[in-house]
Amino acid sequence: MEKLRIGTRASDLAVHQAERVKKILSRSGKELDVEIEKIKTKGDRILDKPLSEIGGKGVFLKEIEKYLLEGEIDLAVHSLKDVPTSLIEGLEIGAYLDREDPRDCFVSLEYDDLDQLPSDGIVGTGSLRRQTQLLRRRLDLEIEPIRGNVNTRLEKLETEDYDALILAVSGLKRLGFEDMITSYLPPDRFLPAPGQGVLAVEIREKDDRSQRLLKEVEKEELRGKMIAERGMLKHLGGDCHVPVGCHSEVLDDRLTLTALVGSKDGREHVEVRAEAPFEKADELGVEVADRLLRAGADRFLDLEDR
């Protein structure tokens, strides 16, 4: 029986995601002895500052990647939207797995949806992407940062001065909190983060065993979508510091990608939609990024500061 060690953050959601990957790997037909190793990261330890001030979402990965490079784990499981588009030398994404509902949702104890919030209503989110799209619809809202895992954020909604939160549907569903969702934000009107809801499995380059194992359980359609979404983000030079949203769909062997980049105050944005044959997913991502840049998206990206 082959032994396989999966590394993950120690949060409830991250461990659930690692368990989900363990279950998916069991479908490969291989006899596997899978262990899950929980690793507490800097991003989990520092909760009183926005992610953009402590290194971006990459802070969730660095310690885990060290374990992976040193051979102490064989696979690392991440929420794909937390994974930078450029990985450190020696590592690669081995597979994109198990996309849960990619939408964002509105969570409130008092109001049914965004339109019901009063003027100066306080909405909690730590995402610039969500901030720009919220203010694009409601300039009269107050956006307040919120950090912590899903459980912590839901507790803060009850105990602190938030009228509502914007959260990823995927995290709530995976943890069994779907009944907390007040309303869903349709992806054609409120674009998710690139890769939202997808589990990324990071491996060492030239790890043939892991590559073969993951190839057997990965779905081609999901890989094509992620190549387009991640390719767009990489060509923009974007990461979690910038307000970029996108959504991809496949219909009749054609892949459609819609993407938006906006100002932090919600007053300006550029949006592009394009399609291509499914097998040209990489070219589609670059095309959408180029069209965004030609439309002036670079003025929202603060590339000179990163």
C-alpha atoms as a PDB file:
ATOM      1  CA  MET A   1       0.000   0.000   0.000  1.00  0.00           C
ATOM      2  CA  GLU A   2       1.367   3.397  -1.036  1.00  0.00           C
ATOM      3  CA  LYS A   3       1.680   6.062   1.640  1.00  0.00           C
ATOM      4  CA  LEU A   4       0.610   9.586   0.737  1.00  0.00           C
ATOM      5  CA  ARG A   5       0.860  12.643   2.980  1.00  0.00           C
ATOM      6  CA  ILE A   6      -1.428  15.634   2.371  1.00  0.00           C
ATOM      7  CA  GLY A   7      -0.550  19.015   3.886  1.00  0.00           C
ATOM      8  CA  THR A   8      -3.181  21.630   4.638  1.00  0.00           C
ATOM      9  CA  ARG A   9      -3.954  24.653   6.778  1.00  0.00           C
ATOM     10  CA  ALA A  10      -5.420  23.779  10.153  1.00  0.00           C
ATOM     11  CA  SER A  11      -8.749  25.611   9.764  1.00  0.00           C
ATOM     12  CA  ASP A  12     -11.963  23.582   9.692  1.00  0.00           C
ATOM     13  CA  LEU A  13     -12.563  24.456   6.042  1.00  0.00           C
ATOM     14  CA  ALA A  14      -9.015  23.616   4.951  1.00  0.00           C
ATOM     15  CA  VAL A  15      -9.119  20.248   6.731  1.00  0.00           C
ATOM     16  CA  HIS A  16     -12.502  19.504   5.175  1.00  0.00           C
ATOM     17  CA  GLN A  17     -11.026  20.288   1.762  1.00  0.00           C
ATOM     18  CA  ALA A  18      -8.073  17.970   2.379  1.00  0.00           C
ATOM     19  CA  GLU A  19     -10.476  15.221   3.427  1.00  0.00           C
ATOM     20  CA  ARG A  20     -12.413  15.837   0.224  1.00  0.00           C
ATOM     21  CA  VAL A  21      -9.243  15.387  -1.851  1.00  0.00           C
ATOM     22  CA  LYS A  22      -8.469  12.204   0.090  1.00  0.00           C
ATOM     23  CA  LYS A  23     -11.902  10.879  -0.866  1.00  0.00           C
ATOM     24  CA  ILE A  24     -11.439  11.830  -4.522  1.00  0.00           C
ATOM     25  CA  LEU A  25      -8.057  10.089  -4.625  1.00  0.00           C
ATOM     26  CA  SER A  26      -9.693   6.899  -3.399  1.00  0.00           C
ATOM     27  CA  ARG A  27     -11.506   6.768  -6.752  1.00  0.00           C
ATOM     28  CA  SER A  28      -8.206   6.242  -8.558  1.00  0.00           C
ATOM     29  CA  GLY A  29      -8.354   2.547  -7.729  1.00  0.00           C
ATOM     30  CA  LYS A  30      -4.930   2.648  -6.091  1.00  0.00           C
ATOM     31  CA  GLU A  31      -4.330   1.162  -2.634  1.00  0.00           C
ATOM     32  CA  LEU A  32      -3.394   4.295  -0.689  1.00  0.00           C
ATOM     33  CA  ASP A  33      -2.585   4.997   2.952  1.00  0.00           C
ATOM     34  CA  VAL A  34      -3.385   8.727   3.130  1.00  0.00           C
ATOM     35  CA  GLU A  35      -2.403  10.914   6.086  1.00  0.00           C
ATOM     36  CA  ILE A  36      -3.427  14.545   6.551  1.00  0.00           C
ATOM     37  CA  GLU A  37      -0.962  16.908   8.226  1.00  0.00           C
ATOM     38  CA  LYS A  38      -2.339  20.184   9.620  1.00  0.00           C
ATOM     39  CA  ILE A  39      -0.035  23.203   9.339  1.00  0.00           C
ATOM     40  CA  LYS A  40      -0.769  26.540  11.052  1.00  0.00           C
ATOM     41  CA  THR A  41       0.314  29.403   8.787  1.00  0.00           C
ATOM     42  CA  LYS A  42       1.137  33.068   9.317  1.00  0.00           C
ATOM     43  CA  GLY A  43      -2.165  34.004   7.725  1.00  0.00           C
ATOM     44  CA  ASP A  44      -3.994  31.950  10.353  1.00  0.00           C
ATOM     45  CA  ARG A  45      -2.011  33.435  13.235  1.00  0.00           C
ATOM     46  CA  ILE A  46      -2.344  37.151  12.323  1.00  0.00           C
ATOM     47  CA  LEU A  47      -6.024  38.050  12.222  1.00  0.00           C
ATOM     48  CA  ASP A  48      -5.990  41.743  13.120  1.00  0.00           C
ATOM     49  CA  LYS A  49      -4.665  43.007   9.768  1.00  0.00           C
ATOM     50  CA  PRO A  50      -5.979  42.822   6.178  1.00  0.00           C
ATOM     51  CA  LEU A  51      -4.339  40.148   4.029  1.00  0.00           C
ATOM     52  CA  SER A  52      -2.941  42.794   1.687  1.00  0.00           C
ATOM     53  CA  GLU A  53      -0.849  44.150   4.606  1.00  0.00           C
ATOM     54  CA  ILE A  54       0.754  40.854   5.620  1.00  0.00           C
ATOM     55  CA  GLY A  55       1.722  39.500   2.226  1.00  0.00           C
ATOM     56  CA  GLY A  56      -1.554  38.698   0.498  1.00  0.00           C
ATOM     57  CA  LYS A  57      -3.179  35.321   0.301  1.00  0.00           C
ATOM     58  CA  GLY A  58       0.229  33.791  -0.370  1.00  0.00           C
ATOM     59  CA  VAL A  59       0.851  33.880   3.389  1.00  0.00           C
ATOM     60  CA  PHE A  60      -1.425  30.851   3.656  1.00  0.00           C
ATOM     61  CA  LEU A  61       0.859  28.884   1.360  1.00  0.00           C
ATOM     62  CA  LYS A  62       4.462  29.622   2.266  1.00  0.00           C
ATOM     63  CA  GLU A  63       4.869  27.355   5.292  1.00  0.00           C
ATOM     64  CA  ILE A  64       3.000  24.544   3.562  1.00  0.00           C
ATOM     65  CA  GLU A  65       5.157  24.910   0.452  1.00  0.00           C
ATOM     66  CA  LYS A  66       8.267  24.603   2.617  1.00  0.00           C
ATOM     67  CA  TYR A  67       7.019  21.253   3.903  1.00  0.00           C
ATOM     68  CA  LEU A  68       6.318  20.192   0.308  1.00  0.00           C
ATOM     69  CA  LEU A  69       9.728  21.197  -1.023  1.00  0.00           C
ATOM     70  CA  GLU A  70      11.484  19.424   1.846  1.00  0.00           C
ATOM     71  CA  GLY A  71       9.569  16.211   1.190  1.00  0.00           C
ATOM     72  CA  GLU A  72       7.699  16.165   4.500  1.00  0.00           C
ATOM     73  CA  ILE A  73       4.384  16.041   2.617  1.00  0.00           C
ATOM     74  CA  ASP A  74       3.571  14.763  -0.879  1.00  0.00           C
ATOM     75  CA  LEU A  75       0.627  16.984  -1.771  1.00  0.00           C
ATOM     76  CA  ALA A  76      -0.634  20.356  -0.558  1.00  0.00           C
ATOM     77  CA  VAL A  77      -4.326  21.219  -0.805  1.00  0.00           C
ATOM     78  CA  HIS A  78      -5.339  24.866  -1.155  1.00  0.00           C
ATOM     79  CA  SER A  79      -8.347  26.938  -2.081  1.00  0.00           C
ATOM     80  CA  LEU A  80      -7.301  27.863  -5.607  1.00  0.00           C
ATOM     81  CA  LYS A  81      -8.265  31.516  -5.209  1.00  0.00           C
ATOM     82  CA  ASP A  82      -5.553  31.755  -2.494  1.00  0.00           C
ATOM     83  CA  VAL A  83      -2.815  30.444  -4.805  1.00  0.00           C
ATOM     84  CA  PRO A  84      -0.584  33.007  -6.595  1.00  0.00           C
ATOM     85  CA  THR A  85      -0.398  32.632 -10.367  1.00  0.00           C
ATOM     86  CA  SER A  86       3.401  32.293 -10.174  1.00  0.00           C
ATOM     87  CA  LEU A  87       4.512  29.468  -7.887  1.00  0.00           C
ATOM     88  CA  ILE A  88       7.918  29.184  -6.275  1.00  0.00           C
ATOM     89  CA  GLU A  89      10.557  27.237  -8.175  1.00  0.00           C
ATOM     90  CA  GLY A  90      10.213  23.496  -7.882  1.00  0.00           C
ATOM     91  CA  LEU A  91       6.440  23.376  -7.397  1.00  0.00           C
ATOM     92  CA  GLU A  92       3.434  23.149  -9.712  1.00  0.00           C
ATOM     93  CA  ILE A  93      -0.328  22.686  -9.638  1.00  0.00           C
ATOM     94  CA  GLY A  94      -0.854  18.963 -10.117  1.00  0.00           C
ATOM     95  CA  ALA A  95      -4.632  19.131 -10.457  1.00  0.00           C
ATOM     96  CA  TYR A  96      -7.726  21.290 -10.150  1.00  0.00           C
ATOM     97  CA  LEU A  97     -10.399  19.341  -8.288  1.00  0.00           C
ATOM     98  CA  ASP A  98     -13.959  19.464  -7.025  1.00  0.00           C
ATOM     99  CA  ARG A  99     -15.369  22.884  -7.912  1.00  0.00           C
ATOM    100  CA  GLU A 100     -18.131  23.766  -5.496  1.00  0.00           C
ATOM    101  CA  ASP A 101     -20.618  26.544  -6.323  1.00  0.00           C
ATOM    102  CA  PRO A 102     -18.359  29.481  -7.354  1.00  0.00           C
ATOM    103  CA  ARG A 103     -20.808  32.245  -6.420  1.00  0.00           C
ATOM    104  CA  ASP A 104     -20.579  34.770  -3.610  1.00  0.00           C
ATOM    105  CA  CYS A 105     -23.511  35.188  -1.273  1.00  0.00           C
ATOM    106  CA  PHE A 106     -25.126  37.760   0.976  1.00  0.00           C
ATOM    107  CA  VAL A 107     -25.381  36.780   4.649  1.00  0.00           C
ATOM    108  CA  SER A 108     -27.405  38.881   7.067  1.00  0.00           C
ATOM    109  CA  LEU A 109     -29.452  38.361  10.209  1.00  0.00           C
ATOM    110  CA  GLU A 110     -31.833  41.196   9.380  1.00  0.00           C
ATOM    111  CA  TYR A 111     -31.906  41.994   5.647  1.00  0.00           C
ATOM    112  CA  ASP A 112     -32.860  39.806   2.679  1.00  0.00           C
ATOM    113  CA  ASP A 113     -30.447  41.178   0.075  1.00  0.00           C
ATOM    114  CA  LEU A 114     -28.149  44.054  -0.857  1.00  0.00           C
ATOM    115  CA  ASP A 115     -31.030  46.229  -1.990  1.00  0.00           C
ATOM    116  CA  GLN A 116     -32.639  46.066   1.446  1.00  0.00           C
ATOM    117  CA  LEU A 117     -29.579  47.376   3.284  1.00  0.00           C
ATOM    118  CA  PRO A 118     -30.063  50.911   4.619  1.00  0.00           C
ATOM    119  CA  SER A 119     -27.889  53.796   3.518  1.00  0.00           C
ATOM    120  CA  ASP A 120     -24.567  53.564   5.415  1.00  0.00           C
ATOM    121  CA  GLY A 121     -25.217  49.866   6.017  1.00  0.00           C
ATOM    122  CA  ILE A 122     -22.028  48.114   7.135  1.00  0.00           C
ATOM    123  CA  VAL A 123     -20.885  45.158   5.032  1.00  0.00           C
ATOM    124  CA  GLY A 124     -17.957  43.000   6.103  1.00  0.00           C
ATOM    125  CA  THR A 125     -15.447  41.711   3.567  1.00  0.00           C
ATOM    126  CA  GLY A 126     -11.676  41.530   3.278  1.00  0.00           C
ATOM    127  CA  SER A 127     -11.757  41.342  -0.523  1.00  0.00           C
ATOM    128  CA  LEU A 128     -11.046  44.286  -2.820  1.00  0.00           C
ATOM    129  CA  ARG A 129     -12.903  42.459  -5.587  1.00  0.00           C
ATOM    130  CA  ARG A 130     -16.031  42.263  -3.476  1.00  0.00           C
ATOM    131  CA  GLN A 131     -15.572  45.834  -2.291  1.00  0.00           C
ATOM    132  CA  THR A 132     -15.474  47.323  -5.785  1.00  0.00           C
ATOM    133  CA  GLN A 133     -18.533  45.346  -6.890  1.00  0.00           C
ATOM    134  CA  LEU A 134     -20.496  46.216  -3.757  1.00  0.00           C
ATOM    135  CA  LEU A 135     -19.774  49.920  -4.138  1.00  0.00           C
ATOM    136  CA  ARG A 136     -20.482  49.711  -7.854  1.00  0.00           C
ATOM    137  CA  ARG A 137     -24.052  48.757  -6.927  1.00  0.00           C
ATOM    138  CA  ARG A 138     -24.372  50.743  -3.680  1.00  0.00           C
ATOM    139  CA  LEU A 139     -22.058  53.714  -3.206  1.00  0.00           C
ATOM    140  CA  ASP A 140     -23.841  54.522   0.035  1.00  0.00           C
ATOM    141  CA  LEU A 141     -22.613  51.377   1.824  1.00  0.00           C
ATOM    142  CA  GLU A 142     -19.759  51.252   4.319  1.00  0.00           C
ATOM    143  CA  ILE A 143     -17.285  48.451   3.697  1.00  0.00           C
ATOM    144  CA  GLU A 144     -15.463  47.170   6.767  1.00  0.00           C
ATOM    145  CA  PRO A 145     -12.644  44.604   6.701  1.00  0.00           C
ATOM    146  CA  ILE A 146     -13.242  41.267   8.363  1.00  0.00           C
ATOM    147  CA  ARG A 147     -10.767  38.409   8.863  1.00  0.00           C
ATOM    148  CA  GLY A 148     -10.867  34.926  10.319  1.00  0.00           C
ATOM    149  CA  ASN A 149     -12.257  31.580   9.259  1.00  0.00           C
ATOM    150  CA  VAL A 150     -15.880  31.056   8.281  1.00  0.00           C
ATOM    151  CA  ASN A 151     -17.004  30.274  11.820  1.00  0.00           C
ATOM    152  CA  THR A 152     -15.288  33.389  13.197  1.00  0.00           C
ATOM    153  CA  ARG A 153     -16.861  35.643  10.583  1.00  0.00           C
ATOM    154  CA  LEU A 154     -20.327  34.297  11.257  1.00  0.00           C
ATOM    155  CA  GLU A 155     -19.798  34.895  14.987  1.00  0.00           C
ATOM    156  CA  LYS A 156     -18.702  38.484  14.271  1.00  0.00           C
ATOM    157  CA  LEU A 157     -21.896  39.049  12.304  1.00  0.00           C
ATOM    158  CA  GLU A 158     -23.809  38.310  15.502  1.00  0.00           C
ATOM    159  CA  THR A 159     -21.560  40.147  17.967  1.00  0.00           C
ATOM    160  CA  GLU A 160     -20.152  43.138  16.057  1.00  0.00           C
ATOM    161  CA  ASP A 161     -21.590  46.035  14.065  1.00  0.00           C
ATOM    162  CA  TYR A 162     -21.986  44.336  10.696  1.00  0.00           C
ATOM    163  CA  ASP A 163     -25.301  44.499   8.874  1.00  0.00           C
ATOM    164  CA  ALA A 164     -24.188  41.839   6.414  1.00  0.00           C
ATOM    165  CA  LEU A 165     -21.254  39.807   5.130  1.00  0.00           C
ATOM    166  CA  ILE A 166     -20.280  38.742   1.634  1.00  0.00           C
ATOM    167  CA  LEU A 167     -18.868  35.209   1.665  1.00  0.00           C
ATOM    168  CA  ALA A 168     -18.048  32.447  -0.792  1.00  0.00           C
ATOM    169  CA  VAL A 169     -20.879  29.968  -1.162  1.00  0.00           C
ATOM    170  CA  SER A 170     -18.347  27.134  -1.428  1.00  0.00           C
ATOM    171  CA  GLY A 171     -16.970  27.580   2.075  1.00  0.00           C
ATOM    172  CA  LEU A 172     -20.409  27.733   3.662  1.00  0.00           C
ATOM    173  CA  LYS A 173     -21.607  24.651   1.796  1.00  0.00           C
ATOM    174  CA  ARG A 174     -18.513  22.609   2.574  1.00  0.00           C
ATOM    175  CA  LEU A 175     -18.853  23.353   6.284  1.00  0.00           C
ATOM    176  CA  GLY A 176     -22.585  22.726   6.433  1.00  0.00           C
ATOM    177  CA  PHE A 177     -23.594  26.378   6.881  1.00  0.00           C
ATOM    178  CA  GLU A 178     -25.683  26.633   3.725  1.00  0.00           C
ATOM    179  CA  ASP A 179     -28.723  27.584   5.802  1.00  0.00           C
ATOM    180  CA  MET A 180     -26.924  30.823   6.771  1.00  0.00           C
ATOM    181  CA  ILE A 181     -27.062  32.053   3.165  1.00  0.00           C
ATOM    182  CA  THR A 182     -29.613  34.847   2.877  1.00  0.00           C
ATOM    183  CA  SER A 183     -29.350  35.315  -0.899  1.00  0.00           C
ATOM    184  CA  TYR A 184     -27.045  34.338  -3.754  1.00  0.00           C
ATOM    185  CA  LEU A 185     -25.171  36.853  -5.903  1.00  0.00           C
ATOM    186  CA  PRO A 186     -25.456  35.711  -9.545  1.00  0.00           C
ATOM    187  CA  PRO A 187     -22.050  35.432 -11.241  1.00  0.00           C
ATOM    188  CA  ASP A 188     -23.197  37.393 -14.292  1.00  0.00           C
ATOM    189  CA  ARG A 189     -23.810  40.428 -12.013  1.00  0.00           C
ATOM    190  CA  PHE A 190     -21.295  39.853  -9.209  1.00  0.00           C
ATOM    191  CA  LEU A 191     -18.199  38.127 -10.570  1.00  0.00           C
ATOM    192  CA  PRO A 192     -16.428  35.619  -8.311  1.00  0.00           C
ATOM    193  CA  ALA A 193     -12.683  35.441  -7.775  1.00  0.00           C
ATOM    194  CA  PRO A 194     -10.669  33.506 -10.378  1.00  0.00           C
ATOM    195  CA  GLY A 195     -10.727  29.885  -9.277  1.00  0.00           C
ATOM    196  CA  GLN A 196     -13.295  30.410  -6.519  1.00  0.00           C
ATOM    197  CA  GLY A 197     -14.668  27.136  -5.174  1.00  0.00           C
ATOM    198  CA  VAL A 198     -11.890  25.015  -6.707  1.00  0.00           C
ATOM    199  CA  LEU A 199      -9.439  22.868  -4.768  1.00  0.00           C
ATOM    200  CA  ALA A 200      -5.854  23.102  -6.027  1.00  0.00           C
ATOM    201  CA  VAL A 201      -3.437  20.258  -5.374  1.00  0.00           C
ATOM    202  CA  GLU A 202       0.156  21.491  -5.365  1.00  0.00           C
ATOM    203  CA  ILE A 203       2.998  19.026  -5.931  1.00  0.00           C
ATOM    204  CA  ARG A 204       6.735  18.979  -6.547  1.00  0.00           C
ATOM    205  CA  GLU A 205       7.768  19.290 -10.171  1.00  0.00           C
ATOM    206  CA  LYS A 206       8.771  15.977 -11.767  1.00  0.00           C
ATOM    207  CA  ASP A 207       6.916  14.023  -9.095  1.00  0.00           C
ATOM    208  CA  ASP A 208       5.739  11.377 -11.552  1.00  0.00           C
ATOM    209  CA  ARG A 209       3.795   9.369  -9.001  1.00  0.00           C
ATOM    210  CA  SER A 210       1.653  12.321  -7.913  1.00  0.00           C
ATOM    211  CA  GLN A 211       1.196  13.541 -11.477  1.00  0.00           C
ATOM    212  CA  ARG A 212      -0.110  10.147 -12.631  1.00  0.00           C
ATOM    213  CA  LEU A 213      -2.391   9.759  -9.620  1.00  0.00           C
ATOM    214  CA  LEU A 214      -3.943  13.219  -9.998  1.00  0.00           C
ATOM    215  CA  LYS A 215      -4.401  12.934 -13.749  1.00  0.00           C
ATOM    216  CA  GLU A 216      -6.730   9.982 -13.173  1.00  0.00           C
ATOM    217  CA  VAL A 217      -9.136  12.010 -11.007  1.00  0.00           C
ATOM    218  CA  GLU A 218      -9.035  15.467 -12.621  1.00  0.00           C
ATOM    219  CA  LYS A 219     -11.821  16.548 -14.986  1.00  0.00           C
ATOM    220  CA  GLU A 220     -10.799  18.062 -18.307  1.00  0.00           C
ATOM    221  CA  GLU A 221     -13.550  20.691 -18.333  1.00  0.00           C
ATOM    222  CA  LEU A 222     -12.495  22.110 -14.971  1.00  0.00           C
ATOM    223  CA  ARG A 223      -8.822  22.221 -15.998  1.00  0.00           C
ATOM    224  CA  GLY A 224      -9.740  24.167 -19.152  1.00  0.00           C
ATOM    225  CA  LYS A 225     -11.767  26.705 -17.185  1.00  0.00           C
ATOM    226  CA  MET A 226      -8.962  27.211 -14.684  1.00  0.00           C
ATOM    227  CA  ILE A 227      -6.345  27.582 -17.406  1.00  0.00           C
ATOM    228  CA  ALA A 228      -8.445  30.442 -18.829  1.00  0.00           C
ATOM    229  CA  GLU A 229      -9.235  32.117 -15.479  1.00  0.00           C
ATOM    230  CA  ARG A 230      -5.724  31.792 -14.074  1.00  0.00           C
ATOM    231  CA  GLY A 231      -4.143  32.719 -17.399  1.00  0.00           C
ATOM    232  CA  MET A 232      -6.168  35.923 -17.487  1.00  0.00           C
ATOM    233  CA  LEU A 233      -5.144  36.822 -13.932  1.00  0.00           C
ATOM    234  CA  LYS A 234      -1.478  36.058 -14.552  1.00  0.00           C
ATOM    235  CA  HIS A 235      -1.363  38.097 -17.774  1.00  0.00           C
ATOM    236  CA  LEU A 236      -2.905  41.028 -15.909  1.00  0.00           C
ATOM    237  CA  GLY A 237      -0.201  40.722 -13.271  1.00  0.00           C
ATOM    238  CA  GLY A 238      -2.981  40.417 -10.719  1.00  0.00           C
ATOM    239  CA  ASP A 239      -3.245  38.690  -7.349  1.00  0.00           C
ATOM    240  CA  CYS A 240      -5.389  39.152  -4.233  1.00  0.00           C
ATOM    241  CA  HIS A 241      -4.235  42.791  -3.928  1.00  0.00           C
ATOM    242  CA  VAL A 242      -6.326  43.830  -6.925  1.00  0.00           C
ATOM    243  CA  PRO A 243     -10.088  43.878  -7.556  1.00  0.00           C
ATOM    244  CA  VAL A 244     -10.381  41.271 -10.339  1.00  0.00           C
ATOM    245  CA  GLY A 245     -13.407  39.046 -10.835  1.00  0.00           C
ATOM    246  CA  CYS A 246     -14.190  36.489 -13.508  1.00  0.00           C
ATOM    247  CA  HIS A 247     -16.461  33.627 -14.465  1.00  0.00           C
ATOM    248  CA  SER A 248     -16.086  30.906 -17.096  1.00  0.00           C
ATOM    249  CA  GLU A 249     -18.633  28.615 -18.728  1.00  0.00           C
ATOM    250  CA  VAL A 250     -18.490  25.785 -21.271  1.00  0.00           C
ATOM    251  CA  LEU A 251     -21.243  25.284 -23.843  1.00  0.00           C
ATOM    252  CA  ASP A 252     -21.043  23.141 -26.977  1.00  0.00           C
ATOM    253  CA  ASP A 253     -17.247  22.811 -26.783  1.00  0.00           C
ATOM    254  CA  ARG A 254     -16.794  26.557 -26.535  1.00  0.00           C
ATOM    255  CA  LEU A 255     -15.404  28.301 -23.484  1.00  0.00           C
ATOM    256  CA  THR A 256     -16.682  31.731 -22.433  1.00  0.00           C
ATOM    257  CA  LEU A 257     -14.788  33.973 -20.032  1.00  0.00           C
ATOM    258  CA  THR A 258     -16.138  37.165 -18.477  1.00  0.00           C
ATOM    259  CA  ALA A 259     -13.813  39.329 -16.379  1.00  0.00           C
ATOM    260  CA  LEU A 260     -13.971  42.643 -14.557  1.00  0.00           C
ATOM    261  CA  VAL A 261     -11.412  44.981 -13.012  1.00  0.00           C
ATOM    262  CA  GLY A 262     -12.605  47.967 -11.014  1.00  0.00           C
ATOM    263  CA  SER A 263     -11.547  50.825  -8.810  1.00  0.00           C
ATOM    264  CA  LYS A 264     -11.526  50.336  -5.050  1.00  0.00           C
ATOM    265  CA  ASP A 265     -14.194  53.007  -4.604  1.00  0.00           C
ATOM    266  CA  GLY A 266     -16.560  51.286  -7.042  1.00  0.00           C
ATOM    267  CA  ARG A 267     -16.896  54.323  -9.315  1.00  0.00           C
ATOM    268  CA  GLU A 268     -15.078  52.918 -12.356  1.00  0.00           C
ATOM    269  CA  HIS A 269     -14.679  49.505 -13.930  1.00  0.00           C
ATOM    270  CA  VAL A 270     -13.924  47.738 -17.180  1.00  0.00           C
ATOM    271  CA  GLU A 271     -15.539  44.445 -18.134  1.00  0.00           C
ATOM    272  CA  VAL A 272     -14.802  42.081 -21.031  1.00  0.00           C
ATOM    273  CA  ARG A 273     -16.498  38.931 -22.297  1.00  0.00           C
ATOM    274  CA  ALA A 274     -14.981  36.658 -24.939  1.00  0.00           C
ATOM    275  CA  GLU A 275     -15.206  33.061 -26.116  1.00  0.00           C
ATOM    276  CA  ALA A 276     -13.024  30.528 -27.907  1.00  0.00           C
ATOM    277  CA  PRO A 277     -12.869  26.823 -28.688  1.00  0.00           C
ATOM    278  CA  PHE A 278     -12.355  24.843 -25.485  1.00  0.00           C
ATOM    279  CA  GLU A 279      -8.897  23.657 -26.542  1.00  0.00           C
ATOM    280  CA  LYS A 280      -7.715  27.281 -26.731  1.00  0.00           C
ATOM    281  CA  ALA A 281      -8.365  28.082 -23.076  1.00  0.00           C
ATOM    282  CA  ASP A 282      -4.872  29.499 -22.559  1.00  0.00           C
ATOM    283  CA  GLU A 283      -5.246  31.859 -25.518  1.00  0.00           C
ATOM    284  CA  LEU A 284      -8.670  32.976 -24.294  1.00  0.00           C
ATOM    285  CA  GLY A 285      -7.295  33.997 -20.902  1.00  0.00           C
ATOM    286  CA  VAL A 286      -4.580  36.105 -22.513  1.00  0.00           C
ATOM    287  CA  GLU A 287      -7.052  37.674 -24.965  1.00  0.00           C
ATOM    288  CA  VAL A 288      -9.404  38.751 -22.173  1.00  0.00           C
ATOM    289  CA  ALA A 289      -6.521  40.203 -20.153  1.00  0.00           C
ATOM    290  CA  ASP A 290      -5.226  42.104 -23.184  1.00  0.00           C
ATOM    291  CA  ARG A 291      -8.664  43.559 -23.867  1.00  0.00           C
ATOM    292  CA  LEU A 292      -9.012  44.612 -20.227  1.00  0.00           C
ATOM    293  CA  LEU A 293      -5.640  46.341 -20.348  1.00  0.00           C
ATOM    294  CA  ARG A 294      -6.459  48.082 -23.624  1.00  0.00           C
ATOM    295  CA  ALA A 295      -9.658  49.340 -21.993  1.00  0.00           C
ATOM    296  CA  GLY A 296      -7.622  50.890 -19.182  1.00  0.00           C
ATOM    297  CA  ALA A 297      -7.712  48.229 -16.461  1.00  0.00           C
ATOM    298  CA  ASP A 298      -4.076  48.862 -15.581  1.00  0.00           C
ATOM    299  CA  ARG A 299      -5.070  52.074 -13.781  1.00  0.00           C
ATOM    300  CA  PHE A 300      -6.853  49.944 -11.152  1.00  0.00           C
ATOM    301  CA  LEU A 301      -4.105  47.378 -10.666  1.00  0.00           C
ATOM    302  CA  ASP A 302      -1.407  49.361  -8.815  1.00  0.00           C
ATOM    303  CA  LEU A 303       1.191  47.266 -10.588  1.00  0.00           C
ATOM    304  CA  GLU A 304       3.948  49.722  -9.792  1.00  0.00           C
ATOM    305  CA  ASP A 305       3.426  49.058  -6.063  1.00  0.00           C
ATOM    306  CA  ARG A 306       3.883  45.304  -6.240  1.00  0.00           C
END
